Amino acid sequence: MKPTLTIFLLLSLVCMIASTHAGENEKAQFEKLKSLEGEWQGTNPSGKPVKVTYEVVSNGSAVMERMQPENEPIMISMYHLDGKHLMMTHYCSAMNQPRMRAVANNGKNTIRFSIMDVTNLAKPTDGHMQKLVITVKDEDHLTALWTFVENGIEKDGPFDLKRIKRANK
């Protein structure tokens, strides 16, 4: 076999293995999100109370997050697998819908999302969510670190949450 063909075959095999591993990692992250099912409470970045529910919906193909900050509009985020990618769409009180994809992370209890695009965004400088990092500290505690960007300025906002009720299943 020619050396060039051997190198090509080896590189192809490495790419196939890496792509399969990435799909398994995304599936594990999605299962982690499913494990959050139930009711949570905590504080938003301003220290105000917030209630969050996670619900596995659509025959297990999606996780719906309902976030209700005190005296503020309810926001919904939907998480799902799209092939080998873990995706989320955030239906924001800023009246736009950022779509994000999970990116490589540093630990099995952290899921990092980065912006792909935003629907209903009049100008790129208008305020919208840019990133999300979910860190599951243990089965009953998590932090959701949202990054909002407006006029090119990023502002991080952590939501510290504690599970108050598991899903009835």
N, C-alpha and C. Protein backbone atom coordinates (compact mmCIF):
# COMPACT_ATOMS: atom_id res chain seq x y z
N MET A 1 0.85 -1.18 0.00
CA MET A 1 0.00 0.00 0.00
C MET A 1 0.89 1.24 0.00
N LYS A 2 0.50 2.22 -0.76
CA LYS A 2 1.28 3.45 -0.84
C LYS A 2 1.17 4.21 0.47
N PRO A 3 2.27 4.89 0.88
CA PRO A 3 2.25 5.65 2.13
C PRO A 3 1.14 6.71 2.17
N THR A 4 0.87 7.35 1.05
CA THR A 4 -0.16 8.39 1.02
C THR A 4 -1.53 7.79 1.32
N LEU A 5 -1.82 6.64 0.73
CA LEU A 5 -3.10 5.97 0.97
C LEU A 5 -3.20 5.51 2.42
N THR A 6 -2.11 5.01 2.97
CA THR A 6 -2.10 4.57 4.37
C THR A 6 -2.39 5.74 5.30
N ILE A 7 -1.76 6.87 5.07
CA ILE A 7 -1.98 8.06 5.90
C ILE A 7 -3.43 8.51 5.77
N PHE A 8 -3.95 8.51 4.56
CA PHE A 8 -5.35 8.91 4.35
C PHE A 8 -6.30 7.99 5.12
N LEU A 9 -6.08 6.69 5.05
CA LEU A 9 -6.94 5.74 5.75
C LEU A 9 -6.86 5.91 7.27
N LEU A 10 -5.66 6.13 7.77
CA LEU A 10 -5.49 6.34 9.21
C LEU A 10 -6.19 7.63 9.67
N LEU A 11 -6.04 8.69 8.90
CA LEU A 11 -6.71 9.95 9.25
C LEU A 11 -8.22 9.80 9.19
N SER A 12 -8.72 9.07 8.22
CA SER A 12 -10.16 8.82 8.12
C SER A 12 -10.66 8.06 9.33
N LEU A 13 -9.91 7.05 9.76
CA LEU A 13 -10.29 6.27 10.93
C LEU A 13 -10.31 7.14 12.18
N VAL A 14 -9.31 7.98 12.36
CA VAL A 14 -9.25 8.88 13.52
C VAL A 14 -10.45 9.83 13.51
N CYS A 15 -10.80 10.37 12.36
CA CYS A 15 -11.95 11.27 12.27
C CYS A 15 -13.25 10.55 12.61
N MET A 16 -13.39 9.31 12.15
CA MET A 16 -14.61 8.55 12.46
C MET A 16 -14.70 8.28 13.96
N ILE A 17 -13.60 7.91 14.58
CA ILE A 17 -13.59 7.64 16.02
C ILE A 17 -13.90 8.91 16.79
N ALA A 18 -13.29 10.03 16.41
CA ALA A 18 -13.52 11.31 17.10
C ALA A 18 -14.97 11.74 16.95
N SER A 19 -15.55 11.54 15.77
CA SER A 19 -16.93 11.94 15.55
C SER A 19 -17.89 11.07 16.35
N THR A 20 -17.63 9.78 16.46
CA THR A 20 -18.46 8.90 17.27
C THR A 20 -18.37 9.30 18.73
N HIS A 21 -17.16 9.59 19.21
CA HIS A 21 -16.98 9.99 20.60
C HIS A 21 -17.73 11.28 20.90
N ALA A 22 -17.68 12.22 19.97
CA ALA A 22 -18.39 13.49 20.18
C ALA A 22 -19.88 13.24 20.31
N GLY A 23 -20.43 12.33 19.50
CA GLY A 23 -21.84 12.01 19.60
C GLY A 23 -22.18 11.39 20.94
N GLU A 24 -21.34 10.53 21.45
CA GLU A 24 -21.58 9.90 22.75
C GLU A 24 -21.51 10.94 23.86
N ASN A 25 -20.58 11.88 23.77
CA ASN A 25 -20.46 12.95 24.76
C ASN A 25 -21.72 13.81 24.77
N GLU A 26 -22.24 14.15 23.59
CA GLU A 26 -23.46 14.95 23.49
C GLU A 26 -24.63 14.20 24.10
N LYS A 27 -24.72 12.90 23.84
CA LYS A 27 -25.81 12.10 24.41
C LYS A 27 -25.71 12.08 25.94
N ALA A 28 -24.50 11.96 26.46
CA ALA A 28 -24.30 11.97 27.92
C ALA A 28 -24.71 13.33 28.50
N GLN A 29 -24.38 14.40 27.81
CA GLN A 29 -24.78 15.73 28.27
C GLN A 29 -26.30 15.88 28.26
N PHE A 30 -26.95 15.34 27.23
CA PHE A 30 -28.40 15.41 27.15
C PHE A 30 -29.04 14.60 28.29
N GLU A 31 -28.47 13.44 28.59
CA GLU A 31 -28.96 12.64 29.72
C GLU A 31 -28.78 13.40 31.04
N LYS A 32 -27.70 14.15 31.16
CA LYS A 32 -27.47 14.99 32.35
C LYS A 32 -28.60 16.02 32.47
N LEU A 33 -28.96 16.64 31.35
CA LEU A 33 -30.06 17.61 31.37
C LEU A 33 -31.38 16.94 31.76
N LYS A 34 -31.62 15.74 31.26
CA LYS A 34 -32.84 15.01 31.62
C LYS A 34 -32.90 14.73 33.12
N SER A 35 -31.73 14.50 33.72
CA SER A 35 -31.69 14.18 35.15
C SER A 35 -32.09 15.37 36.03
N LEU A 36 -32.18 16.55 35.44
CA LEU A 36 -32.56 17.75 36.19
C LEU A 36 -34.07 17.86 36.37
N GLU A 37 -34.83 16.96 35.77
CA GLU A 37 -36.29 17.05 35.78
C GLU A 37 -36.82 17.27 37.19
N GLY A 38 -37.66 18.27 37.33
CA GLY A 38 -38.25 18.62 38.61
C GLY A 38 -38.32 20.13 38.78
N GLU A 39 -38.61 20.53 40.02
CA GLU A 39 -38.74 21.96 40.34
C GLU A 39 -37.51 22.44 41.11
N TRP A 40 -37.06 23.62 40.76
CA TRP A 40 -35.88 24.22 41.35
C TRP A 40 -36.22 25.64 41.79
N GLN A 41 -35.48 26.13 42.77
CA GLN A 41 -35.61 27.54 43.15
C GLN A 41 -34.24 28.07 43.51
N GLY A 42 -34.13 29.37 43.45
CA GLY A 42 -32.85 29.98 43.77
C GLY A 42 -32.93 31.48 43.56
N THR A 43 -31.79 32.04 43.13
CA THR A 43 -31.71 33.48 42.92
C THR A 43 -31.18 33.78 41.53
N ASN A 44 -31.63 34.91 41.00
CA ASN A 44 -31.11 35.37 39.72
C ASN A 44 -29.90 36.28 39.99
N PRO A 45 -29.28 36.83 38.96
CA PRO A 45 -28.09 37.67 39.17
C PRO A 45 -28.32 38.88 40.07
N SER A 46 -29.57 39.36 40.14
CA SER A 46 -29.88 40.50 41.01
C SER A 46 -30.18 40.07 42.44
N GLY A 47 -30.13 38.76 42.70
CA GLY A 47 -30.44 38.25 44.03
C GLY A 47 -31.92 38.04 44.27
N LYS A 48 -32.74 38.24 43.25
CA LYS A 48 -34.19 38.04 43.39
C LYS A 48 -34.53 36.56 43.23
N PRO A 49 -35.62 36.13 43.87
CA PRO A 49 -36.02 34.73 43.75
C PRO A 49 -36.38 34.37 42.31
N VAL A 50 -36.08 33.13 41.98
CA VAL A 50 -36.42 32.60 40.66
C VAL A 50 -36.85 31.14 40.84
N LYS A 51 -37.86 30.74 40.07
CA LYS A 51 -38.30 29.35 40.03
C LYS A 51 -37.99 28.81 38.65
N VAL A 52 -37.48 27.58 38.62
CA VAL A 52 -37.14 26.94 37.36
C VAL A 52 -37.68 25.52 37.40
N THR A 53 -38.30 25.09 36.30
CA THR A 53 -38.69 23.69 36.18
C THR A 53 -38.04 23.11 34.94
N TYR A 54 -37.63 21.87 35.07
CA TYR A 54 -37.13 21.10 33.94
C TYR A 54 -38.09 19.96 33.73
N GLU A 55 -38.52 19.77 32.47
CA GLU A 55 -39.46 18.71 32.15
C GLU A 55 -39.00 18.00 30.88
N VAL A 56 -38.94 16.68 30.95
CA VAL A 56 -38.62 15.88 29.77
C VAL A 56 -39.92 15.74 28.97
N VAL A 57 -39.89 16.16 27.70
CA VAL A 57 -41.10 16.21 26.87
C VAL A 57 -40.86 15.52 25.53
N SER A 58 -41.93 15.42 24.76
CA SER A 58 -41.87 14.90 23.38
C SER A 58 -41.24 13.51 23.31
N ASN A 59 -41.76 12.61 24.17
CA ASN A 59 -41.31 11.23 24.18
C ASN A 59 -39.81 11.12 24.48
N GLY A 60 -39.31 12.02 25.33
CA GLY A 60 -37.91 11.97 25.75
C GLY A 60 -36.95 12.63 24.79
N SER A 61 -37.46 13.29 23.75
CA SER A 61 -36.56 13.88 22.75
C SER A 61 -36.18 15.32 23.04
N ALA A 62 -36.78 15.91 24.09
CA ALA A 62 -36.47 17.30 24.42
C ALA A 62 -36.61 17.52 25.92
N VAL A 63 -35.90 18.53 26.39
CA VAL A 63 -36.04 18.98 27.78
C VAL A 63 -36.48 20.43 27.71
N MET A 64 -37.58 20.73 28.42
CA MET A 64 -38.10 22.09 28.46
C MET A 64 -37.74 22.70 29.82
N GLU A 65 -37.10 23.85 29.77
CA GLU A 65 -36.76 24.60 30.97
C GLU A 65 -37.69 25.81 31.02
N ARG A 66 -38.37 25.97 32.13
CA ARG A 66 -39.27 27.12 32.33
C ARG A 66 -38.68 27.94 33.47
N MET A 67 -38.25 29.16 33.16
CA MET A 67 -37.62 30.04 34.14
C MET A 67 -38.56 31.19 34.45
N GLN A 68 -38.86 31.36 35.75
CA GLN A 68 -39.78 32.41 36.16
C GLN A 68 -39.15 33.26 37.25
N PRO A 69 -38.42 34.33 36.85
CA PRO A 69 -37.91 35.26 37.85
C PRO A 69 -39.08 36.02 38.48
N GLU A 70 -38.96 36.34 39.76
CA GLU A 70 -40.03 37.06 40.46
C GLU A 70 -40.33 38.38 39.77
N ASN A 71 -41.62 38.63 39.50
CA ASN A 71 -42.10 39.88 38.89
C ASN A 71 -41.49 40.17 37.52
N GLU A 72 -41.10 39.12 36.81
CA GLU A 72 -40.54 39.28 35.45
C GLU A 72 -41.21 38.27 34.54
N PRO A 73 -41.12 38.46 33.22
CA PRO A 73 -41.73 37.52 32.29
C PRO A 73 -41.09 36.12 32.38
N ILE A 74 -41.91 35.12 32.11
CA ILE A 74 -41.43 33.73 32.05
C ILE A 74 -40.63 33.55 30.77
N MET A 75 -39.55 32.77 30.86
CA MET A 75 -38.74 32.43 29.69
C MET A 75 -38.68 30.91 29.58
N ILE A 76 -38.61 30.43 28.35
CA ILE A 76 -38.55 29.00 28.07
C ILE A 76 -37.27 28.71 27.29
N SER A 77 -36.60 27.62 27.65
CA SER A 77 -35.48 27.12 26.84
C SER A 77 -35.77 25.66 26.52
N MET A 78 -35.49 25.29 25.28
CA MET A 78 -35.68 23.91 24.84
C MET A 78 -34.33 23.32 24.46
N TYR A 79 -34.05 22.14 24.99
CA TYR A 79 -32.80 21.43 24.74
C TYR A 79 -33.13 20.15 23.97
N HIS A 80 -32.32 19.82 22.97
CA HIS A 80 -32.55 18.58 22.22
C HIS A 80 -31.29 18.20 21.45
N LEU A 81 -31.25 16.95 21.06
CA LEU A 81 -30.16 16.48 20.20
C LEU A 81 -30.54 16.72 18.75
N ASP A 82 -29.57 17.13 17.96
CA ASP A 82 -29.73 17.28 16.52
C ASP A 82 -28.59 16.50 15.91
N GLY A 83 -28.84 15.24 15.60
CA GLY A 83 -27.76 14.37 15.16
C GLY A 83 -26.78 14.19 16.31
N LYS A 84 -25.55 14.57 16.10
CA LYS A 84 -24.52 14.43 17.13
C LYS A 84 -24.32 15.71 17.94
N HIS A 85 -25.19 16.69 17.76
CA HIS A 85 -25.04 17.97 18.46
C HIS A 85 -26.14 18.18 19.48
N LEU A 86 -25.77 18.70 20.63
CA LEU A 86 -26.73 19.10 21.65
C LEU A 86 -27.05 20.57 21.40
N MET A 87 -28.33 20.85 21.21
CA MET A 87 -28.77 22.19 20.85
C MET A 87 -29.69 22.75 21.92
N MET A 88 -29.83 24.07 21.91
CA MET A 88 -30.83 24.71 22.76
C MET A 88 -31.31 25.97 22.08
N THR A 89 -32.59 26.27 22.30
CA THR A 89 -33.17 27.54 21.86
C THR A 89 -33.76 28.20 23.10
N HIS A 90 -33.40 29.45 23.30
CA HIS A 90 -33.87 30.21 24.46
C HIS A 90 -34.89 31.24 23.99
N TYR A 91 -36.12 31.14 24.49
CA TYR A 91 -37.17 32.09 24.15
C TYR A 91 -37.14 33.18 25.22
N CYS A 92 -36.44 34.24 24.91
CA CYS A 92 -36.01 35.25 25.88
C CYS A 92 -37.04 36.36 26.08
N SER A 93 -37.03 36.95 27.27
CA SER A 93 -37.89 38.10 27.53
C SER A 93 -37.42 39.33 26.75
N ALA A 94 -36.23 39.27 26.15
CA ALA A 94 -35.76 40.34 25.26
C ALA A 94 -36.45 40.23 23.89
N MET A 95 -37.36 39.25 23.78
CA MET A 95 -38.19 39.03 22.59
C MET A 95 -37.40 38.58 21.37
N ASN A 96 -36.32 37.83 21.61
CA ASN A 96 -35.59 37.19 20.53
C ASN A 96 -35.31 35.75 20.97
N GLN A 97 -34.76 34.96 20.06
CA GLN A 97 -34.57 33.54 20.33
C GLN A 97 -33.17 33.09 19.94
N PRO A 98 -32.21 33.18 20.86
CA PRO A 98 -30.87 32.68 20.57
C PRO A 98 -30.89 31.15 20.44
N ARG A 99 -30.19 30.67 19.43
CA ARG A 99 -29.97 29.22 19.27
C ARG A 99 -28.51 28.96 19.57
N MET A 100 -28.28 27.98 20.43
CA MET A 100 -26.92 27.67 20.84
C MET A 100 -26.64 26.18 20.66
N ARG A 101 -25.36 25.87 20.56
CA ARG A 101 -24.89 24.48 20.44
C ARG A 101 -23.88 24.22 21.55
N ALA A 102 -23.98 23.04 22.13
CA ALA A 102 -23.00 22.65 23.16
C ALA A 102 -21.62 22.54 22.51
N VAL A 103 -20.63 23.01 23.24
CA VAL A 103 -19.25 22.95 22.77
C VAL A 103 -18.46 22.07 23.72
N ALA A 104 -17.21 21.78 23.36
CA ALA A 104 -16.36 20.93 24.21
C ALA A 104 -16.33 21.49 25.62
N ASN A 105 -16.36 20.59 26.58
CA ASN A 105 -16.36 21.06 27.97
C ASN A 105 -15.19 20.45 28.73
N ASN A 106 -15.02 20.89 29.97
CA ASN A 106 -13.88 20.47 30.77
C ASN A 106 -14.22 19.43 31.82
N GLY A 107 -15.48 19.05 31.93
CA GLY A 107 -15.84 18.08 32.95
C GLY A 107 -17.19 17.47 32.67
N LYS A 108 -17.44 16.34 33.28
CA LYS A 108 -18.69 15.63 32.99
C LYS A 108 -19.90 16.33 33.58
N ASN A 109 -19.71 17.26 34.51
CA ASN A 109 -20.82 17.95 35.14
C ASN A 109 -21.03 19.37 34.62
N THR A 110 -20.35 19.73 33.55
CA THR A 110 -20.47 21.07 32.97
C THR A 110 -20.87 20.96 31.50
N ILE A 111 -21.88 21.73 31.12
CA ILE A 111 -22.31 21.78 29.73
C ILE A 111 -22.20 23.23 29.29
N ARG A 112 -21.42 23.47 28.25
CA ARG A 112 -21.19 24.82 27.74
C ARG A 112 -21.89 24.99 26.40
N PHE A 113 -22.67 26.05 26.28
CA PHE A 113 -23.35 26.35 25.03
C PHE A 113 -22.81 27.67 24.49
N SER A 114 -22.70 27.73 23.16
CA SER A 114 -22.23 28.94 22.49
C SER A 114 -23.19 29.29 21.36
N ILE A 115 -23.35 30.56 21.11
CA ILE A 115 -24.32 31.08 20.14
C ILE A 115 -24.05 30.56 18.73
N MET A 116 -25.13 30.23 18.04
CA MET A 116 -25.07 29.91 16.60
C MET A 116 -25.70 31.07 15.82
N ASP A 117 -26.93 31.40 16.23
CA ASP A 117 -27.64 32.52 15.59
C ASP A 117 -28.77 32.96 16.51
N VAL A 118 -29.44 34.04 16.11
CA VAL A 118 -30.55 34.58 16.91
C VAL A 118 -31.66 34.99 15.96
N THR A 119 -32.87 34.49 16.21
CA THR A 119 -34.01 34.94 15.42
C THR A 119 -34.63 36.17 16.10
N ASN A 120 -35.30 36.98 15.30
CA ASN A 120 -35.95 38.21 15.77
C ASN A 120 -34.98 39.20 16.41
N LEU A 121 -33.78 39.25 15.90
CA LEU A 121 -32.79 40.22 16.37
C LEU A 121 -32.70 41.32 15.31
N ALA A 122 -33.19 42.51 15.64
CA ALA A 122 -33.23 43.61 14.66
C ALA A 122 -31.84 44.02 14.22
N LYS A 123 -30.92 44.19 15.18
CA LYS A 123 -29.54 44.59 14.88
C LYS A 123 -28.61 43.70 15.69
N PRO A 124 -27.43 43.40 15.18
CA PRO A 124 -26.48 42.57 15.93
C PRO A 124 -26.09 43.16 17.29
N THR A 125 -26.25 44.47 17.45
CA THR A 125 -25.88 45.11 18.72
C THR A 125 -27.00 45.05 19.76
N ASP A 126 -28.21 44.62 19.34
CA ASP A 126 -29.32 44.50 20.29
C ASP A 126 -29.01 43.42 21.32
N GLY A 127 -29.58 43.57 22.51
CA GLY A 127 -29.32 42.64 23.59
C GLY A 127 -29.84 41.24 23.33
N HIS A 128 -29.00 40.24 23.62
CA HIS A 128 -29.37 38.84 23.47
C HIS A 128 -28.42 37.96 24.26
N MET A 129 -28.89 36.76 24.58
CA MET A 129 -28.04 35.79 25.25
C MET A 129 -27.00 35.27 24.27
N GLN A 130 -25.77 35.13 24.75
CA GLN A 130 -24.64 34.75 23.91
C GLN A 130 -24.08 33.38 24.27
N LYS A 131 -24.09 33.08 25.58
CA LYS A 131 -23.50 31.82 26.08
C LYS A 131 -24.30 31.34 27.27
N LEU A 132 -24.16 30.05 27.55
CA LEU A 132 -24.73 29.45 28.74
C LEU A 132 -23.79 28.35 29.21
N VAL A 133 -23.49 28.36 30.51
CA VAL A 133 -22.70 27.28 31.11
C VAL A 133 -23.52 26.73 32.27
N ILE A 134 -23.91 25.46 32.16
CA ILE A 134 -24.65 24.80 33.23
C ILE A 134 -23.66 23.91 33.98
N THR A 135 -23.54 24.15 35.27
CA THR A 135 -22.67 23.33 36.11
C THR A 135 -23.53 22.63 37.15
N VAL A 136 -23.59 21.31 37.06
CA VAL A 136 -24.36 20.50 38.00
C VAL A 136 -23.41 20.14 39.15
N LYS A 137 -23.62 20.78 40.28
CA LYS A 137 -22.73 20.58 41.44
C LYS A 137 -22.97 19.23 42.08
N ASP A 138 -24.23 18.86 42.23
CA ASP A 138 -24.64 17.53 42.68
C ASP A 138 -26.08 17.36 42.21
N GLU A 139 -26.74 16.28 42.57
CA GLU A 139 -28.06 16.03 41.99
C GLU A 139 -29.12 17.05 42.40
N ASP A 140 -28.83 17.88 43.40
CA ASP A 140 -29.81 18.86 43.85
C ASP A 140 -29.34 20.30 43.82
N HIS A 141 -28.18 20.57 43.21
CA HIS A 141 -27.65 21.94 43.14
C HIS A 141 -27.01 22.18 41.77
N LEU A 142 -27.32 23.34 41.19
CA LEU A 142 -26.67 23.69 39.92
C LEU A 142 -26.55 25.20 39.80
N THR A 143 -25.65 25.60 38.92
CA THR A 143 -25.51 27.00 38.55
C THR A 143 -25.66 27.11 37.04
N ALA A 144 -26.49 28.03 36.61
CA ALA A 144 -26.63 28.34 35.19
C ALA A 144 -26.04 29.74 34.99
N LEU A 145 -24.92 29.81 34.31
CA LEU A 145 -24.25 31.09 34.07
C LEU A 145 -24.59 31.56 32.65
N TRP A 146 -25.48 32.53 32.56
CA TRP A 146 -25.90 33.09 31.29
C TRP A 146 -25.03 34.31 30.97
N THR A 147 -24.66 34.46 29.71
CA THR A 147 -23.93 35.64 29.26
C THR A 147 -24.80 36.41 28.28
N PHE A 148 -25.13 37.64 28.65
CA PHE A 148 -25.94 38.54 27.83
C PHE A 148 -25.00 39.54 27.19
N VAL A 149 -25.23 39.83 25.91
CA VAL A 149 -24.39 40.82 25.22
C VAL A 149 -25.29 41.89 24.61
N GLU A 150 -24.86 43.14 24.76
CA GLU A 150 -25.58 44.27 24.17
C GLU A 150 -24.56 45.34 23.83
N ASN A 151 -24.63 45.84 22.61
CA ASN A 151 -23.68 46.85 22.13
C ASN A 151 -22.24 46.38 22.31
N GLY A 152 -22.02 45.09 22.13
CA GLY A 152 -20.67 44.53 22.21
C GLY A 152 -20.16 44.31 23.62
N ILE A 153 -20.96 44.59 24.63
CA ILE A 153 -20.53 44.42 26.03
C ILE A 153 -21.21 43.19 26.62
N GLU A 154 -20.38 42.24 27.08
CA GLU A 154 -20.89 41.02 27.70
C GLU A 154 -21.09 41.21 29.20
N LYS A 155 -22.17 40.63 29.70
CA LYS A 155 -22.44 40.66 31.13
C LYS A 155 -22.87 39.26 31.57
N ASP A 156 -22.12 38.70 32.51
CA ASP A 156 -22.43 37.37 33.03
C ASP A 156 -23.44 37.45 34.15
N GLY A 157 -24.37 36.50 34.17
CA GLY A 157 -25.39 36.45 35.20
C GLY A 157 -25.60 35.04 35.70
N PRO A 158 -25.13 34.74 36.91
CA PRO A 158 -25.33 33.39 37.45
C PRO A 158 -26.69 33.22 38.13
N PHE A 159 -27.30 32.08 37.88
CA PHE A 159 -28.51 31.66 38.57
C PHE A 159 -28.12 30.45 39.41
N ASP A 160 -28.16 30.59 40.73
CA ASP A 160 -27.83 29.49 41.64
C ASP A 160 -29.13 28.82 42.06
N LEU A 161 -29.24 27.52 41.77
CA LEU A 161 -30.50 26.82 41.97
C LEU A 161 -30.34 25.59 42.84
N LYS A 162 -31.42 25.30 43.59
CA LYS A 162 -31.51 24.10 44.43
C LYS A 162 -32.81 23.39 44.08
N ARG A 163 -32.72 22.07 43.90
CA ARG A 163 -33.92 21.29 43.58
C ARG A 163 -34.82 21.24 44.81
N ILE A 164 -36.12 21.53 44.60
CA ILE A 164 -37.07 21.45 45.72
C ILE A 164 -38.06 20.31 45.54
N LYS A 165 -38.16 19.79 44.29
CA LYS A 165 -39.07 18.68 44.05
C LYS A 165 -38.61 17.89 42.83
N ARG A 166 -38.55 16.60 42.98
CA ARG A 166 -38.23 15.73 41.85
C ARG A 166 -39.49 15.50 41.02
N ALA A 167 -39.30 15.11 39.79
CA ALA A 167 -40.45 14.80 38.92
C ALA A 167 -41.14 13.55 39.45
N ASN A 168 -42.45 13.51 39.32
CA ASN A 168 -43.23 12.35 39.72
C ASN A 168 -43.25 11.34 38.58
N LYS A 169 -42.39 10.35 38.67
CA LYS A 169 -42.34 9.33 37.60
C LYS A 169 -42.26 7.97 38.20
